[in-house]
Amino acid sequence: MGLQWNEFELPGKKLPQWKRTFAVDQETGQVFVAAALTGDAEYLVWACASSDGMPTYTRNDHYYVPAEWMASEFSHTKPMCEAITAAADN
């Protein structure tokens, strides 16, 4: 099946397109978001996700990690991850 890539909008925030991009695994429904949304270096977030055994993806030289994992490990991203996951469900 693969991944379906989409973009989201956050009113009041200007983010580059790649940061607004998310993916949905068509088989599992798992949502992947840009690792850079944490505010930390995205490769470090990717490394943490990888070491936790999480699936990760790269697109256009940017890392994407599971939204649920990111919200758990980087609690300040939880509202954004929940909003993106809700957008993915629509």
Protein backbone atom coordinates (compact mmCIF):
# COMPACT_ATOMS: atom_id res chain seq x y z
CA MET A 1 0.00 0.00 0.00
CA GLY A 2 2.60 2.59 1.03
CA LEU A 3 2.31 6.10 2.33
CA GLN A 4 -0.13 8.83 1.39
CA TRP A 5 1.48 12.27 1.74
CA ASN A 6 -0.61 15.35 2.55
CA GLU A 7 -0.25 18.88 3.92
CA PHE A 8 -2.00 20.62 6.78
CA GLU A 9 -2.57 24.27 7.68
CA LEU A 10 -2.20 25.81 11.13
CA PRO A 11 -4.01 29.13 11.32
CA GLY A 12 -1.72 31.84 12.62
CA LYS A 13 1.48 29.89 11.96
CA LYS A 14 3.66 30.13 8.90
CA LEU A 15 5.54 26.91 8.36
CA PRO A 16 7.45 25.80 5.28
CA GLN A 17 5.68 23.22 3.14
CA TRP A 18 7.89 20.33 4.26
CA LYS A 19 7.04 21.03 7.93
CA ARG A 20 3.33 21.03 7.04
CA THR A 21 3.66 17.69 5.29
CA PHE A 22 2.52 14.48 6.96
CA ALA A 23 2.14 10.90 5.83
CA VAL A 24 -0.40 8.20 6.57
CA ASP A 25 0.58 4.56 6.31
CA GLN A 26 -2.21 3.14 4.15
CA GLU A 27 -1.97 -0.28 5.78
CA THR A 28 -1.84 0.67 9.46
CA GLY A 29 -3.27 4.21 9.51
CA GLN A 30 -0.23 5.41 11.43
CA VAL A 31 0.47 9.14 10.97
CA PHE A 32 4.01 10.46 10.46
CA VAL A 33 4.98 14.09 11.07
CA ALA A 34 8.09 16.17 10.47
CA ALA A 35 10.66 15.52 13.19
CA ALA A 36 11.63 19.20 13.11
CA LEU A 37 8.26 20.16 14.64
CA THR A 38 9.87 19.45 18.02
CA GLY A 39 12.12 22.48 17.65
CA ASP A 40 15.15 20.22 18.05
CA ALA A 41 17.51 19.08 15.32
CA GLU A 42 15.42 16.72 13.23
CA TYR A 43 18.17 14.13 12.86
CA LEU A 44 18.37 13.83 16.66
CA VAL A 45 14.61 13.27 16.87
CA TRP A 46 14.92 10.70 14.08
CA ALA A 47 17.77 8.97 15.96
CA CYS A 48 15.67 8.79 19.14
CA ALA A 49 12.70 7.36 17.25
CA SER A 50 14.92 4.84 15.50
CA SER A 51 16.56 3.74 18.74
CA ASP A 52 13.07 3.24 20.21
CA GLY A 53 12.30 0.89 17.31
CA MET A 54 9.86 3.27 15.63
CA PRO A 55 9.40 3.25 11.86
CA THR A 56 10.69 6.46 10.26
CA TYR A 57 10.69 7.93 6.78
CA THR A 58 12.71 10.47 4.86
CA ARG A 59 11.26 12.73 2.18
CA ASN A 60 13.08 15.55 0.43
CA ASP A 61 15.94 15.25 2.94
CA HIS A 62 13.62 15.65 5.97
CA TYR A 63 12.79 13.07 8.62
CA TYR A 64 9.27 11.98 9.56
CA VAL A 65 8.41 10.07 12.73
CA PRO A 66 5.18 8.64 14.19
CA ALA A 67 2.93 11.42 15.54
CA GLU A 68 1.85 9.33 18.52
CA TRP A 69 5.48 8.66 19.49
CA MET A 70 6.45 12.32 19.09
CA ALA A 71 3.51 13.49 21.24
CA SER A 72 4.58 11.06 23.95
CA GLU A 73 8.30 11.81 23.88
CA PHE A 74 8.05 15.58 23.23
CA SER A 75 4.95 16.57 25.18
CA HIS A 76 4.97 20.17 23.91
CA THR A 77 4.14 18.79 20.44
CA LYS A 78 1.07 16.86 21.62
CA PRO A 79 -1.54 19.48 20.58
CA MET A 80 0.02 19.82 17.12
CA CYS A 81 0.36 16.05 16.68
CA GLU A 82 -3.27 15.58 17.70
CA ALA A 83 -4.40 18.27 15.25
CA ILE A 84 -2.43 16.67 12.42
CA THR A 85 -3.75 13.21 13.27
CA ALA A 86 -7.31 14.60 13.28
CA ALA A 87 -6.68 16.19 9.86
CA ALA A 88 -5.41 12.83 8.61
CA ASP A 89 -8.67 11.20 9.67
CA ASN A 90 -10.69 13.56 7.47
